[in-house]
């Protein structure tokens, strides 16, 4: 292709405050339409809004996480436009003095077997209110309006036009979702719309510095659909440019059924919005003490946890990436390490066994009865070769879930799961197996080394699964030689 792809994302995150940005109305998803509203949400004449302090704190947290400059003095603006689901006839947002300026989000991209890091630079993060919701599928002739969402606090995270592919865009959106979840400021649920992205994409001839004509695709609600929209727009825009057609600055929608975008309206310019300072709201002042308090409340974030898990804990990049996907798994993993030194084995158990068990039984980690201390008991038994990994997974774990009052070792002894590693006892079993299979022993000595697995299996069967497989292998080889 003769063009460079230039992408910027505007990511909207609904903040997980109890009330709305400028009113005490409940901020909650899924309630009956038009039940979480008041004269403030509906902007009745004479009402005076008041800024939600928790929303300001959450915006500052995201700015600190991104390394942004925090504007300790800021205010809101009116963004004037008319749409049916906006009861005010304007949106309260921020224009000249956003609460956070600059910064960046570090992403990791897979490059063969290795990972490469790349930083997506940010233009700003600002506070604003969400609009209501238009419902089109209840009638063929009418649109219904639900204002429950109107006034919900949002942060809009605006990247610079520095993203060059759908892969980068998807990785960036995923990293932002992880960050807001770690910070506890948004649940990142794209299906419910609490996090969504507007995609700005343009093409320019290779080597040209001037940006091409920008097209905006609204409300991308999944990472995969975002990448599909990028792929479609690259083909559409490059085809038009190759044919000498002129692109127009417009707003488009994405059709998830066929993977195509279609035009909605010609894009407004900044002048069309006629921004001016919001006269009904006092400016926001964040003191040095308040900023310090927010800084001290910040948790460890994925960008710092990944090198810690790889370099300090010795985990593979794949295991580290999986564990840091959700903060609850990080907390569970690190809490388990307080009772065991087996870092890699603990990671294996959490990623494969525990997550698999929860998925199969449709449970959450929060409802899981095995505490980190009890998981460490299992891990230590496996690490010490007292219980085989198979027996621990298939038998000991279910037993521990059913018997919360008994330790892992107590249950392993009661149910004869402790591995038999006594050489004398195992040698008796091995001798019996080899005598019964004299012909197979002769074949093994002639070169059929694959028979070793068969011998091991028979010894394990004779021991009713209690023999230590490593010890059995060692003693078998000596006997066969």
Protein backbone atom coordinates (compact mmCIF):
# COMPACT_ATOMS: atom_id res chain seq x y z
CA UNK A 1 0.00 0.00 0.00
CA UNK A 2 1.23 3.49 -0.87
CA UNK A 3 -0.28 5.10 2.23
CA UNK A 4 0.45 5.45 5.93
CA UNK A 5 -2.35 4.71 8.36
CA UNK A 6 -2.93 7.36 11.04
CA UNK A 7 -5.28 6.48 13.91
CA UNK A 8 -6.41 8.30 17.03
CA UNK A 9 -8.85 6.97 19.62
CA UNK A 10 -11.25 8.77 21.90
CA UNK A 11 -12.08 6.33 24.68
CA UNK A 12 -15.09 7.08 26.88
CA UNK A 13 -15.16 5.45 30.32
CA UNK A 14 -18.19 5.70 32.59
CA UNK A 15 -16.91 6.35 36.10
CA UNK A 16 -18.07 3.97 38.82
CA UNK A 17 -19.39 6.65 41.17
CA UNK A 18 -22.57 6.10 43.16
CA UNK A 19 -24.21 9.23 41.79
CA UNK A 20 -24.10 11.26 38.59
CA UNK A 21 -21.63 13.99 37.68
CA UNK A 22 -23.77 16.98 38.65
CA UNK A 23 -26.73 15.44 40.54
CA UNK A 24 -27.41 12.98 43.35
CA UNK A 25 -29.37 10.69 41.00
CA UNK A 26 -28.23 7.06 41.18
CA UNK A 27 -25.56 6.05 38.67
CA UNK A 28 -26.51 2.45 37.94
CA UNK A 29 -26.87 0.30 34.82
CA UNK A 30 -29.90 -1.90 34.08
CA UNK A 31 -32.64 -0.17 36.09
CA UNK A 32 -36.09 0.45 34.66
CA UNK A 33 -36.04 3.31 32.12
CA UNK A 34 -36.32 6.84 33.48
CA UNK A 35 -36.19 5.87 37.16
CA UNK A 36 -32.79 7.41 38.00
CA UNK A 37 -33.64 10.96 36.99
CA UNK A 38 -34.57 14.27 38.60
CA UNK A 39 -35.07 17.92 37.69
CA UNK A 40 -31.27 18.27 37.65
CA UNK A 41 -30.74 15.42 35.16
CA UNK A 42 -33.54 16.82 32.98
CA UNK A 43 -32.16 20.39 33.28
CA UNK A 44 -35.38 22.04 34.41
CA UNK A 45 -35.20 25.85 34.53
CA UNK A 46 -33.66 27.30 37.68
CA UNK A 47 -31.81 24.18 38.90
CA UNK A 48 -28.14 24.46 39.89
CA UNK A 49 -25.77 21.47 39.43
CA UNK A 50 -22.87 20.61 41.74
CA UNK A 51 -19.73 18.71 40.73
CA UNK A 52 -19.22 15.16 42.03
CA UNK A 53 -15.90 15.21 43.94
CA UNK A 54 -15.38 11.44 43.54
CA UNK A 55 -15.56 11.79 39.74
CA UNK A 56 -12.82 14.43 39.89
CA UNK A 57 -10.69 12.08 42.02
CA UNK A 58 -11.18 9.23 39.54
CA UNK A 59 -10.16 11.43 36.61
CA UNK A 60 -7.01 12.47 38.46
CA UNK A 61 -6.19 8.79 39.16
CA UNK A 62 -6.32 7.98 35.46
CA UNK A 63 -4.15 10.98 34.68
CA UNK A 64 -1.55 9.92 37.24
CA UNK A 65 -1.60 6.36 35.88
CA UNK A 66 -0.84 7.75 32.41
CA UNK A 67 1.85 10.17 33.58
CA UNK A 68 -0.27 13.19 32.59
CA UNK A 69 0.09 16.72 33.94
CA UNK A 70 -2.78 17.37 36.35
CA UNK A 71 -4.46 20.76 35.99
CA UNK A 72 -5.09 21.67 39.62
CA UNK A 73 -7.29 24.54 38.51
CA UNK A 74 -9.87 23.71 35.86
CA UNK A 75 -13.50 24.28 34.94
CA UNK A 76 -16.30 22.92 32.75
CA UNK A 77 -17.55 24.19 29.39
CA UNK A 78 -20.80 23.93 27.52
CA UNK A 79 -20.57 21.98 24.27
CA UNK A 80 -23.60 23.11 22.32
CA UNK A 81 -25.42 20.68 20.07
CA UNK A 82 -28.96 19.37 19.88
CA UNK A 83 -29.85 15.72 19.95
CA UNK A 84 -32.98 14.08 21.32
CA UNK A 85 -31.24 12.07 24.05
CA UNK A 86 -29.54 15.18 25.50
CA UNK A 87 -32.18 16.83 27.71
CA UNK A 88 -30.16 20.02 28.22
CA UNK A 89 -29.65 20.81 24.55
CA UNK A 90 -25.91 20.92 25.33
CA UNK A 91 -23.26 18.73 26.97
CA UNK A 92 -21.23 19.79 30.00
CA UNK A 93 -17.65 18.92 29.07
CA UNK A 94 -14.15 20.42 29.16
CA UNK A 95 -12.47 22.27 26.32
CA UNK A 96 -9.69 24.76 27.07
CA UNK A 97 -8.53 23.39 30.43
CA UNK A 98 -8.94 19.58 30.59
CA UNK A 99 -8.19 18.05 33.97
CA UNK A 100 -5.27 15.96 32.59
CA UNK A 101 -2.87 16.94 29.80
CA UNK A 102 -0.37 14.78 27.93
CA UNK A 103 0.99 11.47 29.17
CA UNK A 104 0.94 8.08 27.52
CA UNK A 105 -0.10 4.44 27.73
CA UNK A 106 2.50 1.70 27.34
CA UNK A 107 1.41 -1.32 25.30
CA UNK A 108 3.09 -4.64 24.50
CA UNK A 109 2.85 -6.19 21.05
CA UNK A 110 3.75 -9.75 20.14
CA UNK A 111 6.66 -9.86 17.68
CA UNK A 112 7.23 -13.52 16.91
CA UNK A 113 8.27 -15.14 20.19
CA UNK A 114 9.21 -11.83 21.74
CA UNK A 115 7.23 -8.83 23.00
CA UNK A 116 8.02 -5.25 22.01
CA UNK A 117 6.86 -2.26 23.99
CA UNK A 118 5.42 0.87 22.49
CA UNK A 119 3.89 3.99 24.07
CA UNK A 120 0.71 5.60 22.75
CA UNK A 121 0.94 9.31 23.55
CA UNK A 122 -2.12 11.12 24.90
CA UNK A 123 -3.42 14.58 24.06
CA UNK A 124 -5.63 14.91 27.12
CA UNK A 125 -8.11 13.33 29.52
CA UNK A 126 -11.18 15.37 30.34
CA UNK A 127 -14.37 15.04 32.36
CA UNK A 128 -17.82 15.21 30.82
CA UNK A 129 -21.34 13.89 31.23
CA UNK A 130 -22.93 11.10 29.20
CA UNK A 131 -26.11 11.51 27.18
CA UNK A 132 -29.31 9.50 27.53
CA UNK A 133 -30.09 6.48 25.40
CA UNK A 134 -32.26 6.30 22.29
CA UNK A 135 -34.17 3.01 21.92
CA UNK A 136 -35.15 2.20 18.35
CA UNK A 137 -36.26 -1.45 18.54
CA UNK A 138 -39.52 -1.11 20.50
CA UNK A 139 -41.47 0.41 17.62
CA UNK A 140 -41.25 0.59 13.85
CA UNK A 141 -42.34 4.21 13.80
CA UNK A 142 -41.17 5.73 17.08
CA UNK A 143 -37.96 6.18 19.07
CA UNK A 144 -38.08 5.98 22.87
CA UNK A 145 -35.76 7.86 25.22
CA UNK A 146 -34.27 6.59 28.49
CA UNK A 147 -32.56 9.36 30.48
CA UNK A 148 -31.15 7.10 33.21
CA UNK A 149 -27.70 7.37 31.60
CA UNK A 150 -27.92 11.15 31.13
CA UNK A 151 -25.49 12.88 33.46
CA UNK A 152 -23.39 9.78 34.12
CA UNK A 153 -19.78 10.88 34.73
CA UNK A 154 -17.33 10.08 31.95
CA UNK A 155 -13.67 10.56 31.31
CA UNK A 156 -12.73 10.89 27.66
CA UNK A 157 -9.18 9.72 26.98
CA UNK A 158 -7.98 11.35 23.75
CA UNK A 159 -4.87 9.89 22.12
CA UNK A 160 -2.61 11.71 19.69
CA UNK A 161 -2.89 10.59 16.05
CA UNK A 162 0.04 8.21 16.54
CA UNK A 163 -1.47 4.72 16.15
CA UNK A 164 -0.48 2.99 12.92
CA UNK A 165 -2.46 -0.26 12.78
CA UNK A 166 -5.53 -2.11 13.99
CA UNK A 167 -3.26 -4.30 16.13
CA UNK A 168 -1.87 -1.25 17.95
CA UNK A 169 -5.35 0.24 18.35
CA UNK A 170 -6.68 -3.00 19.85
CA UNK A 171 -3.74 -3.39 22.22
CA UNK A 172 -4.12 0.22 23.37
CA UNK A 173 -7.85 -0.12 24.01
CA UNK A 174 -7.27 -3.36 25.93
CA UNK A 175 -4.56 -1.74 28.07
CA UNK A 176 -6.80 1.23 28.93
CA UNK A 177 -9.53 -1.22 29.93
CA UNK A 178 -7.11 -3.03 32.23
CA UNK A 179 -5.92 0.24 33.75
CA UNK A 180 -9.40 1.55 34.63
CA UNK A 181 -10.28 -1.82 36.17
CA UNK A 182 -7.10 -1.85 38.27
CA UNK A 183 -7.81 1.68 39.43
CA UNK A 184 -11.40 0.71 40.28
CA UNK A 185 -12.79 3.72 38.42
CA UNK A 186 -14.72 1.86 35.67
CA UNK A 187 -15.77 -1.76 35.12
CA UNK A 188 -14.62 -1.62 31.49
CA UNK A 189 -17.71 -3.49 30.29
CA UNK A 190 -17.85 -2.71 26.58
CA UNK A 191 -20.97 -4.80 25.96
CA UNK A 192 -22.99 -2.68 28.39
CA UNK A 193 -21.45 0.52 27.04
CA UNK A 194 -19.63 1.60 30.18
CA UNK A 195 -16.53 1.78 28.01
CA UNK A 196 -16.60 2.59 24.31
CA UNK A 197 -14.31 4.13 21.74
CA UNK A 198 -14.59 6.50 18.80
CA UNK A 199 -12.14 5.64 16.04
CA UNK A 200 -10.52 8.44 14.02
CA UNK A 201 -8.68 7.15 10.98
CA UNK A 202 -7.06 8.72 7.93
CA UNK A 203 -4.56 7.76 5.24
CA UNK A 204 -1.76 9.87 3.79
CA UNK A 205 0.79 9.16 1.07
CA UNK A 206 3.99 7.67 2.49
CA UNK A 207 6.46 10.37 3.44
CA UNK A 208 3.83 13.12 3.63
CA UNK A 209 3.74 15.01 6.94
CA UNK A 210 0.30 16.57 6.53
CA UNK A 211 -2.54 14.43 7.85
CA UNK A 212 -5.17 13.10 5.47
CA UNK A 213 -8.92 13.64 5.71
CA UNK A 214 -10.13 12.17 8.99
CA UNK A 215 -13.14 9.88 9.28
CA UNK A 216 -14.68 9.14 12.70
CA UNK A 217 -16.40 5.85 13.47
CA UNK A 218 -18.58 6.14 16.57
CA UNK A 219 -19.13 3.89 19.57
CA UNK A 220 -16.95 0.86 18.92
CA UNK A 221 -18.07 -1.65 21.55
CA UNK A 222 -15.43 -4.38 21.26
CA UNK A 223 -11.73 -4.67 20.55
CA UNK A 224 -12.32 -7.09 17.68
CA UNK A 225 -14.87 -4.81 16.02
CA UNK A 226 -12.47 -1.90 16.38
CA UNK A 227 -9.83 -3.87 14.49
CA UNK A 228 -12.34 -4.93 11.84
CA UNK A 229 -13.41 -1.32 11.33
CA UNK A 230 -9.77 -0.30 10.85
CA UNK A 231 -9.25 -3.05 8.27
CA UNK A 232 -12.37 -2.03 6.34
CA UNK A 233 -11.54 1.67 6.37
CA UNK A 234 -8.00 1.06 5.11
CA UNK A 235 -9.41 -0.81 2.10
CA UNK A 236 -12.21 1.73 1.52
CA UNK A 237 -10.11 4.86 1.85
CA UNK A 238 -7.10 3.55 -0.10
CA UNK A 239 -9.41 2.44 -2.91
CA UNK A 240 -10.99 5.89 -3.12
CA UNK A 241 -7.62 7.65 -3.08
CA UNK A 242 -6.24 5.33 -5.77
CA UNK A 243 -9.25 6.20 -7.94
CA UNK A 244 -8.72 9.93 -7.45
CA UNK A 245 -11.87 10.32 -5.33
CA UNK A 246 -12.03 12.91 -2.57
CA UNK A 247 -12.66 11.79 1.00
CA UNK A 248 -14.94 13.90 3.18
CA UNK A 249 -14.64 14.49 6.93
CA UNK A 250 -17.61 12.56 8.23
CA UNK A 251 -18.99 10.45 11.04
CA UNK A 252 -19.64 6.80 10.23
CA UNK A 253 -21.12 3.75 11.99
CA UNK A 254 -19.81 0.18 12.00
CA UNK A 255 -22.03 -2.75 11.03
CA UNK A 256 -20.82 -5.77 13.00
CA UNK A 257 -22.84 -8.18 10.81
CA UNK A 258 -20.92 -7.49 7.59
CA UNK A 259 -17.80 -5.74 8.92
CA UNK A 260 -18.46 -2.54 6.98
CA UNK A 261 -18.86 1.12 7.90
CA UNK A 262 -21.52 3.45 6.54
CA UNK A 263 -22.00 7.22 6.61
CA UNK A 264 -24.11 8.97 9.27
CA UNK A 265 -23.43 12.69 8.97
CA UNK A 266 -20.81 15.21 7.92
CA UNK A 267 -18.45 15.78 10.84
CA UNK A 268 -18.87 18.96 12.84
CA UNK A 269 -15.89 21.26 13.42
CA UNK A 270 -14.89 22.63 16.83
CA UNK A 271 -16.48 26.00 15.93
CA UNK A 272 -19.85 24.32 15.41
CA UNK A 273 -19.98 23.43 19.10
CA UNK A 274 -19.66 27.06 20.30
CA UNK A 275 -17.85 26.15 23.52
CA UNK A 276 -18.04 28.60 26.42
CA UNK A 277 -17.39 28.28 30.18
CA UNK A 278 -20.25 26.69 32.11
CA UNK A 279 -21.80 29.55 34.13
CA UNK A 280 -23.68 27.34 36.61
CA UNK A 281 -20.66 25.42 37.95
CA UNK A 282 -17.85 26.65 40.17
CA UNK A 283 -14.26 26.06 38.98
CA UNK A 284 -12.42 23.02 40.36
CA UNK A 285 -9.39 23.54 42.58
CA UNK A 286 -7.27 20.54 43.58
CA UNK A 287 -4.90 21.31 46.43
CA UNK A 288 -1.38 19.89 46.73
CA UNK A 289 -2.53 17.88 49.76
CA UNK A 290 -5.47 16.40 47.85
CA UNK A 291 -3.22 15.49 44.91
CA UNK A 292 -0.70 13.83 47.23
CA UNK A 293 -3.47 11.83 48.92
CA UNK A 294 -4.68 10.54 45.54
CA UNK A 295 -1.11 9.66 44.51
CA UNK A 296 -0.61 7.64 47.70
CA UNK A 297 -3.81 5.66 47.05
CA UNK A 298 -2.69 4.46 43.61
CA UNK A 299 -2.34 0.66 43.19
CA UNK A 300 0.39 -1.11 41.21
CA UNK A 301 -0.57 -1.12 37.53
CA UNK A 302 -0.03 -3.68 34.72
CA UNK A 303 2.87 -1.71 33.22
CA UNK A 304 4.90 -2.12 36.42
CA UNK A 305 3.62 -5.59 37.31
CA UNK A 306 4.71 -7.22 34.03
CA UNK A 307 8.47 -6.68 34.51
CA UNK A 308 8.11 -7.63 38.19
CA UNK A 309 6.42 -10.94 37.32
CA UNK A 310 8.98 -11.76 34.62
CA UNK A 311 12.21 -10.54 36.25
CA UNK A 312 11.52 -10.94 39.98
CA UNK A 313 9.19 -13.94 39.95
CA UNK A 314 10.80 -15.64 36.93
CA UNK A 315 7.53 -16.26 35.07
CA UNK A 316 7.29 -16.53 31.31
CA UNK A 317 5.96 -13.45 29.46
CA UNK A 318 2.86 -15.47 28.52
CA UNK A 319 2.10 -16.42 32.14
CA UNK A 320 2.81 -12.87 33.33
CA UNK A 321 0.49 -11.44 30.67
CA UNK A 322 -2.31 -13.83 31.66
CA UNK A 323 -2.00 -13.17 35.39
CA UNK A 324 -1.95 -9.37 35.16
CA UNK A 325 -5.05 -9.32 32.95
CA UNK A 326 -7.19 -8.86 36.08
CA UNK A 327 -6.20 -7.33 39.40
CA UNK A 328 -8.07 -10.01 41.36
CA UNK A 329 -5.75 -12.70 39.92
CA UNK A 330 -2.68 -10.62 40.76
CA UNK A 331 -3.88 -10.22 44.35
CA UNK A 332 -4.68 -13.96 44.62
CA UNK A 333 -1.29 -14.96 43.16
CA UNK A 334 0.74 -12.64 45.38
CA UNK A 335 -1.28 -13.63 48.46
CA UNK A 336 -0.49 -17.31 47.73
CA UNK A 337 3.23 -16.51 47.53
CA UNK A 338 3.09 -15.46 51.19
CA UNK A 339 2.77 -19.18 52.02
CA UNK A 340 4.96 -20.81 49.35
CA UNK A 341 8.19 -20.12 47.46
CA UNK A 342 6.99 -22.04 44.38
CA UNK A 343 6.25 -19.09 42.06
CA UNK A 344 6.10 -20.90 38.71
CA UNK A 345 4.11 -23.84 40.07
CA UNK A 346 1.66 -21.45 41.73
CA UNK A 347 1.24 -19.58 38.43
CA UNK A 348 0.62 -22.88 36.61
CA UNK A 349 -2.04 -23.89 39.13
CA UNK A 350 -3.86 -20.57 39.00
CA UNK A 351 -3.78 -20.23 35.21
CA UNK A 352 -4.65 -23.82 34.33
CA UNK A 353 -6.35 -25.56 37.24
CA UNK A 354 -8.09 -22.83 39.25
CA UNK A 355 -9.27 -20.74 36.30
CA UNK A 356 -10.41 -23.92 34.54
CA UNK A 357 -12.35 -25.08 37.59
CA UNK A 358 -14.07 -21.72 37.99
CA UNK A 359 -14.96 -21.61 34.30
CA UNK A 360 -16.35 -25.17 34.26
CA UNK A 361 -18.46 -24.51 37.35
CA UNK A 362 -19.48 -20.95 36.37
CA UNK A 363 -17.99 -19.50 39.53
CA UNK A 364 -16.08 -16.31 40.26
CA UNK A 365 -12.83 -16.03 42.16
CA UNK A 366 -14.67 -14.06 44.82
CA UNK A 367 -16.96 -17.04 45.51
CA UNK A 368 -14.14 -19.63 45.35
CA UNK A 369 -13.69 -21.38 48.71
CA UNK A 370 -9.96 -22.16 48.36
CA UNK A 371 -8.06 -19.33 50.00
CA UNK A 372 -4.50 -18.44 48.92
CA UNK A 373 -3.16 -20.18 52.05
CA UNK A 374 -4.98 -23.42 51.21
CA UNK A 375 -3.85 -23.29 47.59
CA UNK A 376 -0.27 -22.95 48.86
CA UNK A 377 -0.77 -26.16 50.87
CA UNK A 378 -1.56 -28.06 47.65
CA UNK A 379 1.29 -26.42 45.73
CA UNK A 380 3.80 -27.32 48.46
CA UNK A 381 2.70 -30.98 48.50
CA UNK A 382 3.15 -31.19 44.72
CA UNK A 383 6.51 -29.37 44.85
CA UNK A 384 7.77 -31.79 47.51
CA UNK A 385 6.65 -34.78 45.38
CA UNK A 386 4.36 -35.92 48.16
CA UNK A 387 1.31 -35.78 45.88
CA UNK A 388 1.37 -36.03 42.10
CA UNK A 389 0.10 -33.08 40.13
CA UNK A 390 -2.61 -35.28 38.58
CA UNK A 391 -3.84 -36.55 41.95
CA UNK A 392 -3.77 -33.03 43.36
CA UNK A 393 -5.80 -31.66 40.46
CA UNK A 394 -8.33 -34.46 40.07
CA UNK A 395 -8.76 -35.62 43.67
CA UNK A 396 -7.19 -33.39 46.31
CA UNK A 397 -8.61 -30.08 45.06
CA UNK A 398 -12.26 -31.32 45.08
CA UNK A 399 -11.68 -32.84 48.52
CA UNK A 400 -10.41 -29.52 49.87
CA UNK A 401 -13.40 -27.68 48.44
CA UNK A 402 -15.71 -30.08 50.30
CA UNK A 403 -13.68 -30.15 53.55
CA UNK A 404 -12.76 -26.62 54.54
CA UNK A 405 -11.68 -27.63 58.05
CA UNK A 406 -8.98 -30.14 57.01
CA UNK A 407 -5.52 -29.40 55.69
CA UNK A 408 -4.30 -30.61 52.31
CA UNK A 409 -1.84 -33.05 53.86
CA UNK A 410 -4.48 -34.47 56.20
CA UNK A 411 -6.84 -35.13 53.28
CA UNK A 412 -4.04 -36.58 51.15
CA UNK A 413 -3.18 -39.07 53.92
CA UNK A 414 -6.82 -40.00 54.57
CA UNK A 415 -7.45 -40.73 50.89
CA UNK A 416 -4.09 -42.43 50.22
CA UNK A 417 -2.87 -39.75 47.81
CA UNK A 418 0.61 -39.46 49.32
CA UNK A 419 3.12 -40.74 46.76
CA UNK A 420 5.06 -43.87 47.60
CA UNK A 421 8.77 -43.06 47.19
CA UNK A 422 10.36 -45.75 49.36
CA UNK A 423 12.85 -47.51 47.09
CA UNK A 424 12.45 -50.92 48.70
CA UNK A 425 8.65 -50.94 48.40
CA UNK A 426 8.73 -49.68 44.80
CA UNK A 427 11.43 -52.16 43.80
CA UNK A 428 9.17 -55.05 44.84
CA UNK A 429 6.40 -53.76 42.54
CA UNK A 430 8.87 -53.19 39.71
CA UNK A 431 10.30 -56.70 39.98
CA UNK A 432 6.78 -58.18 39.84
CA UNK A 433 5.92 -56.15 36.71
CA UNK A 434 9.16 -57.12 34.93
CA UNK A 435 8.75 -60.82 35.75
CA UNK A 436 5.20 -60.79 34.35
CA UNK A 437 6.44 -59.10 31.18
CA UNK A 438 9.65 -61.03 30.49
CA UNK A 439 9.09 -60.94 26.69
CA UNK A 440 8.58 -57.17 26.71
CA UNK A 441 11.76 -56.79 28.78
CA UNK A 442 13.69 -58.68 26.11
CA UNK A 443 12.19 -56.43 23.39
CA UNK A 444 13.17 -53.34 25.41
CA UNK A 445 16.76 -54.56 25.63
CA UNK A 446 16.79 -55.07 21.85
CA UNK A 447 15.94 -51.39 21.32
CA UNK A 448 12.16 -50.88 21.82
CA UNK A 449 12.70 -48.07 24.33
CA UNK A 450 9.09 -46.89 23.96
CA UNK A 451 8.05 -49.80 26.20
CA UNK A 452 9.33 -47.89 29.23
CA UNK A 453 6.05 -45.99 29.43
CA UNK A 454 4.13 -49.25 29.51
CA UNK A 455 6.25 -50.53 32.42
CA UNK A 456 5.76 -47.27 34.34
CA UNK A 457 2.00 -47.47 33.77
CA UNK A 458 1.81 -50.99 35.13
CA UNK A 459 3.83 -50.09 38.23
CA UNK A 460 1.56 -47.08 38.83
CA UNK A 461 -1.47 -49.34 38.43
CA UNK A 462 -0.02 -51.87 40.86
CA UNK A 463 0.56 -49.11 43.41
CA UNK A 464 -3.01 -47.80 42.88
CA UNK A 465 -1.57 -44.49 41.69
CA UNK A 466 0.46 -43.79 44.82
CA UNK A 467 3.92 -44.46 43.41
CA UNK A 468 6.18 -41.47 42.70
CA UNK A 469 6.51 -41.49 38.87
CA UNK A 470 10.02 -39.95 38.96
CA UNK A 471 11.26 -42.58 41.39
CA UNK A 472 9.58 -45.35 39.38
CA UNK A 473 11.32 -44.18 36.19
CA UNK A 474 14.66 -44.06 37.93
CA UNK A 475 14.38 -47.54 39.48
CA UNK A 476 12.93 -49.09 36.30
CA UNK A 477 15.83 -47.91 34.17
CA UNK A 478 18.31 -49.35 36.64
CA UNK A 479 16.49 -52.69 36.73
CA UNK A 480 16.21 -52.88 32.93
CA UNK A 481 19.88 -52.10 32.49
